[in-house]
Protein backbone atom coordinates (compact mmCIF):
# COMPACT_ATOMS: atom_id res chain seq x y z
CA MET A 1 0.00 0.00 0.00
CA ALA A 2 1.29 3.44 -0.94
CA ASP A 3 2.21 6.07 1.64
CA GLN A 4 -0.98 8.05 2.35
CA GLU A 5 0.77 11.43 2.72
CA LEU A 6 2.61 10.97 -0.60
CA THR A 7 -0.61 9.83 -2.28
CA GLU A 8 -2.41 12.96 -1.09
CA ARG A 9 0.44 15.20 -2.29
CA VAL A 10 0.47 13.56 -5.73
CA GLN A 11 -3.30 13.94 -6.00
CA GLU A 12 -2.94 17.64 -5.06
CA LEU A 13 -0.29 18.17 -7.74
CA ILE A 14 -2.44 16.46 -10.35
CA SER A 15 -5.45 18.62 -9.46
CA GLU A 16 -3.43 21.87 -9.17
CA ASN A 17 -1.66 21.53 -12.53
CA PRO A 18 -3.82 21.49 -15.67
CA VAL A 19 -1.00 19.67 -17.49
CA LEU A 20 1.41 17.61 -15.39
CA LEU A 21 4.12 15.23 -16.53
CA PHE A 22 5.66 12.65 -14.21
CA MET A 23 8.94 11.79 -15.89
CA LYS A 24 12.44 10.49 -15.39
CA GLY A 25 14.63 13.58 -15.22
CA THR A 26 13.50 17.09 -16.11
CA PRO A 27 12.29 18.62 -19.37
CA THR A 28 15.68 20.26 -19.85
CA ALA A 29 17.54 17.05 -18.93
CA PRO A 30 15.39 13.95 -19.55
CA ARG A 31 16.88 10.75 -18.14
CA CYS A 32 15.14 8.30 -20.48
CA GLY A 33 14.11 8.24 -24.12
CA PHE A 34 10.39 7.88 -23.38
CA SER A 35 10.44 10.96 -21.16
CA MET A 36 12.41 12.88 -23.80
CA ARG A 37 9.89 11.97 -26.51
CA THR A 38 6.98 13.11 -24.35
CA VAL A 39 8.70 16.42 -23.56
CA GLN A 40 9.35 16.99 -27.27
CA VAL A 41 5.66 16.50 -28.06
CA LEU A 42 4.57 18.87 -25.27
CA ASP A 43 7.10 21.47 -26.37
CA GLN A 44 5.77 21.26 -29.93
CA MET A 45 2.27 21.86 -28.57
CA GLY A 46 3.47 25.09 -26.92
CA VAL A 47 1.51 24.55 -23.69
CA GLU A 48 2.69 25.29 -20.18
CA TYR A 49 3.07 22.19 -18.08
CA GLY A 50 4.38 21.07 -14.75
CA ALA A 51 6.98 18.32 -14.55
CA ILE A 52 7.97 16.06 -11.68
CA ASP A 53 11.23 14.10 -11.71
CA VAL A 54 10.25 10.68 -10.35
CA LEU A 55 13.79 9.34 -9.99
CA PRO A 56 14.41 10.57 -6.41
CA ALA A 57 11.45 8.45 -5.21
CA LEU A 58 10.79 6.04 -8.06
CA GLN A 59 9.33 3.07 -6.18
CA PRO A 60 7.10 5.06 -3.80
CA LEU A 61 5.77 7.08 -6.75
CA ARG A 62 5.12 3.87 -8.73
CA GLU A 63 3.01 2.62 -5.83
CA VAL A 64 1.08 5.91 -5.62
CA THR A 65 0.39 6.26 -9.33
CA SER A 66 -0.59 2.60 -9.49
CA GLU A 67 -3.27 3.29 -6.86
CA ILE A 68 -4.37 6.59 -8.42
CA SER A 69 -4.47 5.61 -12.08
CA ASP A 70 -3.59 1.91 -12.29
CA TRP A 71 -0.43 2.87 -14.24
CA GLU A 72 3.08 2.15 -12.93
CA THR A 73 5.45 3.14 -15.74
CA PHE A 74 6.82 6.59 -16.47
CA PRO A 75 6.38 9.03 -18.08
CA GLN A 76 2.76 9.72 -17.23
CA LEU A 77 0.91 12.72 -18.64
CA TYR A 78 -2.10 14.08 -16.76
CA VAL A 79 -4.39 16.68 -18.33
CA ASN A 80 -7.12 18.27 -16.22
CA GLY A 81 -6.73 15.56 -13.60
CA ASP A 82 -7.00 12.63 -16.02
CA LEU A 83 -4.19 10.31 -17.05
CA LEU A 84 -3.71 10.38 -20.82
CA GLY A 85 -0.89 7.83 -20.84
CA GLY A 86 2.78 7.38 -21.50
CA ALA A 87 5.05 8.27 -24.41
CA ASP A 88 3.53 6.00 -27.06
CA ILE A 89 -0.04 7.07 -26.28
CA VAL A 90 0.92 10.76 -26.14
CA GLU A 91 2.69 10.50 -29.51
CA GLU A 92 -0.30 8.72 -31.05
CA MET A 93 -2.67 11.36 -29.66
CA PHE A 94 -0.39 14.07 -31.03
CA THR A 95 -0.38 12.49 -34.49
CA ASN A 96 -4.16 12.07 -34.71
CA GLY A 97 -5.00 15.48 -33.16
CA GLU A 98 -6.50 14.14 -29.92
CA LEU A 99 -3.74 15.68 -27.80
CA ALA A 100 -4.40 19.18 -29.14
CA GLU A 101 -8.10 18.67 -28.43
CA SER A 102 -7.38 17.45 -24.87
CA LEU A 103 -5.09 20.42 -24.27
CA GLY A 104 -7.51 22.91 -25.83
CA VAL A 105 -4.96 24.18 -28.36
CA GLU A 106 -4.56 24.20 -32.12
CA GLN A 107 -2.82 21.24 -33.69
CA PRO A 108 0.61 22.44 -34.89
CA ALA A 109 1.03 22.57 -38.65
CA ARG A 110 2.90 19.58 -40.06
CA GLN A 111 6.12 21.50 -40.72
CA GLU A 112 6.08 22.90 -37.16
CA ALA A 113 5.57 19.45 -35.69
CA GLU A 114 8.65 18.16 -37.53
CA ALA A 115 10.83 21.13 -36.56
CA GLU A 116 13.82 20.77 -34.31
CA PRO A 117 12.97 20.57 -30.59
CA ALA A 118 13.04 23.85 -28.69
CA ALA A 119 16.31 24.95 -27.15
CA ALA A 120 16.74 23.92 -23.52
CA GLY A 121 15.83 27.38 -22.22
CA ASP A 122 12.72 27.62 -24.40
CA SER A 123 10.69 24.85 -22.73
CA PRO A 124 7.32 26.03 -21.35
CA TYR A 125 7.40 23.71 -18.35
CA GLN A 126 7.21 24.88 -14.77
CA SER A 127 8.24 22.42 -12.10
CA PRO A 128 5.73 22.36 -9.24
CA PRO A 129 7.30 21.90 -5.82
CA MET A 130 7.18 18.36 -4.50
CA LYS A 131 8.88 17.38 -1.30
CA ILE A 132 9.23 13.66 -0.80
CA GLU A 133 10.11 12.60 2.72
CA GLY A 134 12.78 9.99 3.22
CA SER A 135 14.36 10.27 -0.22
């Protein structure tokens, strides 16, 4: 069973951030290819999003997200409190226009979507504060 205090904090973060990405690393320094791919899609969408690096507390966060959304792997993208999925699902939603609809933005034009990823300092993410006890 997941730590109740951590579960409550994760639920708060999900509800406080319209777009929240749980990932390995940070948007400016992803620590796995799946997280990097998800960040690239979000950056192409041009939306502000929060990002949480799960690596400092990987196992406790797996337990929490498994209870919250029945999903243990990372990255995990939440939009308006709902889990959309991981990298493959986010990329598929991007390709078919569902991601833009979920985010309430225009689908980028094809040439924009294939452009080079934004420079490290150009990412629209904002990391919400998350203190994890015992890590």
